[in-house]
Protein backbone atom coordinates (compact mmCIF):
# COMPACT_ATOMS: atom_id res chain seq x y z
CA UNK A 1 2.02 17.34 45.16
CA UNK A 2 3.48 13.74 46.45
CA UNK A 3 4.14 12.75 49.36
CA UNK A 4 6.46 9.52 50.36
CA UNK A 5 5.47 7.07 52.81
CA UNK A 6 7.07 4.86 55.29
CA UNK A 7 5.60 1.58 55.45
CA UNK A 8 5.69 -0.60 58.08
CA UNK A 9 4.28 -4.28 57.99
CA UNK A 10 3.85 -5.22 61.23
CA UNK A 11 2.86 -8.67 62.95
CA UNK A 12 -1.19 -8.94 64.46
CA UNK A 13 -2.05 -12.18 66.47
CA UNK A 14 -5.47 -10.59 65.26
CA UNK A 15 -4.69 -10.84 61.65
CA UNK A 16 -6.08 -13.95 59.02
CA UNK A 17 -3.61 -16.53 57.41
CA UNK A 18 -3.90 -16.34 53.96
CA UNK A 19 -2.39 -19.52 52.10
CA UNK A 20 0.77 -18.77 50.38
CA UNK A 21 -0.58 -18.59 46.81
CA UNK A 22 -3.07 -16.20 47.82
CA UNK A 23 -0.59 -14.19 50.00
CA UNK A 24 1.77 -14.61 46.73
CA UNK A 25 -1.34 -13.34 44.15
CA UNK A 26 -2.30 -11.17 46.62
CA UNK A 27 1.62 -9.16 46.65
CA UNK A 28 1.90 -9.58 43.42
CA UNK A 29 -0.69 -7.21 42.08
CA UNK A 30 -0.67 -4.75 44.64
CA UNK A 31 3.33 -4.60 43.60
CA UNK A 32 2.38 -4.52 40.31
CA UNK A 33 -0.50 -1.82 40.34
CA UNK A 34 2.14 -0.17 42.50
CA UNK A 35 4.43 -0.18 39.37
CA UNK A 36 2.29 0.82 36.83
CA UNK A 37 1.17 3.71 38.92
CA UNK A 38 4.84 4.57 40.23
CA UNK A 39 3.66 4.06 43.78
CA UNK A 40 6.03 1.66 44.61
CA UNK A 41 9.25 3.50 45.55
CA UNK A 42 11.55 0.75 47.30
CA UNK A 43 10.48 -2.10 50.05
CA UNK A 44 11.17 -5.48 51.40
CA UNK A 45 11.07 -7.92 54.15
CA UNK A 46 13.09 -7.55 56.91
CA UNK A 47 14.93 -10.15 59.37
CA UNK A 48 14.23 -12.09 62.66
CA UNK A 49 14.06 -10.31 65.65
CA UNK A 50 17.05 -12.75 66.98
CA UNK A 51 19.41 -10.52 64.51
CA UNK A 52 17.80 -7.14 65.18
CA UNK A 53 18.62 -4.78 68.00
CA UNK A 54 17.52 -1.00 69.40
CA UNK A 55 20.28 1.58 70.01
CA UNK A 56 19.63 4.07 72.47
CA UNK A 57 22.32 6.21 73.45
CA UNK A 58 21.71 8.14 77.52
CA UNK A 59 23.44 9.60 79.42
CA UNK A 60 26.70 9.57 76.85
CA UNK A 61 25.81 5.86 77.43
CA UNK A 62 25.11 3.86 74.41
CA UNK A 63 23.06 1.16 74.92
CA UNK A 64 21.93 -2.05 72.70
CA UNK A 65 19.14 -3.84 73.42
CA UNK A 66 18.18 -7.78 71.23
CA UNK A 67 15.09 -6.79 69.44
CA UNK A 68 14.03 -4.56 66.85
CA UNK A 69 10.68 -3.11 69.01
CA UNK A 70 11.55 -3.43 72.92
CA UNK A 71 8.02 -3.53 75.30
CA UNK A 72 5.70 -4.92 72.32
CA UNK A 73 4.56 -8.11 71.53
CA UNK A 74 4.09 -6.88 67.62
CA UNK A 75 7.38 -7.54 65.11
CA UNK A 76 8.33 -5.53 61.98
CA UNK A 77 8.43 -8.41 59.01
CA UNK A 78 8.84 -5.62 56.31
CA UNK A 79 8.81 -2.30 54.94
CA UNK A 80 7.77 0.08 52.00
CA UNK A 81 8.37 3.54 50.31
CA UNK A 82 5.45 4.62 48.37
CA UNK A 83 4.06 7.70 46.82
CA UNK A 84 0.74 9.06 47.08
CA UNK A 85 -1.05 12.46 46.90
CA UNK A 86 -2.81 12.01 50.31
CA UNK A 87 -2.80 9.58 53.36
CA UNK A 88 -6.00 8.48 52.53
CA UNK A 89 -4.77 7.76 48.95
CA UNK A 90 -1.90 5.64 50.97
CA UNK A 91 -4.06 4.25 52.85
CA UNK A 92 -6.78 2.86 50.43
CA UNK A 93 -3.17 1.24 48.68
CA UNK A 94 -1.76 -0.65 51.53
CA UNK A 95 -5.32 -1.84 52.10
CA UNK A 96 -4.55 -4.43 48.57
CA UNK A 97 -1.35 -6.01 50.24
CA UNK A 98 -1.82 -8.66 52.52
CA UNK A 99 -0.53 -7.83 55.59
CA UNK A 100 -3.46 -5.87 56.19
CA UNK A 101 -5.20 -9.22 56.18
CA UNK A 102 -2.19 -11.09 57.83
CA UNK A 103 -1.02 -8.10 60.30
CA UNK A 104 -1.03 -4.56 60.69
CA UNK A 105 0.22 -1.94 58.78
CA UNK A 106 1.54 1.48 60.16
CA UNK A 107 1.54 4.60 56.95
CA UNK A 108 4.00 7.26 57.80
CA UNK A 109 4.65 10.31 55.92
CA UNK A 110 8.82 11.08 55.12
CA UNK A 111 8.91 14.62 56.51
CA UNK A 112 11.67 17.34 56.09
CA UNK A 113 13.59 18.45 58.99
CA UNK A 114 12.80 21.59 59.82
CA UNK A 115 16.39 22.97 58.83
CA UNK A 116 15.72 21.82 55.67
CA UNK A 117 14.86 24.21 51.99
CA UNK A 118 12.87 23.11 49.63
């Protein structure tokens, strides 16, 4: 059985810069491998923090804050949705993505809501 995973690509000041051509080569190889394996479902870059917001409702009042990740120095720069048989398999696949070198990747299993049935 495969599980879907939400992948968040984050900036990380401890990452290593890649020259543009190497970044592109790694990304193309990663995407080609994912497409061939039927693993890559969707993904892409996201806009800058200045074009993002966070929405909360507290005490019936809606608050909109001008930051995608409030209180963090990291910034979400992209996402993917992939399939894998396990968290380890998903992590191993994501290790081939250039963000693993330049930033940080979060691998989050997509689960059903408690009231959803199969």
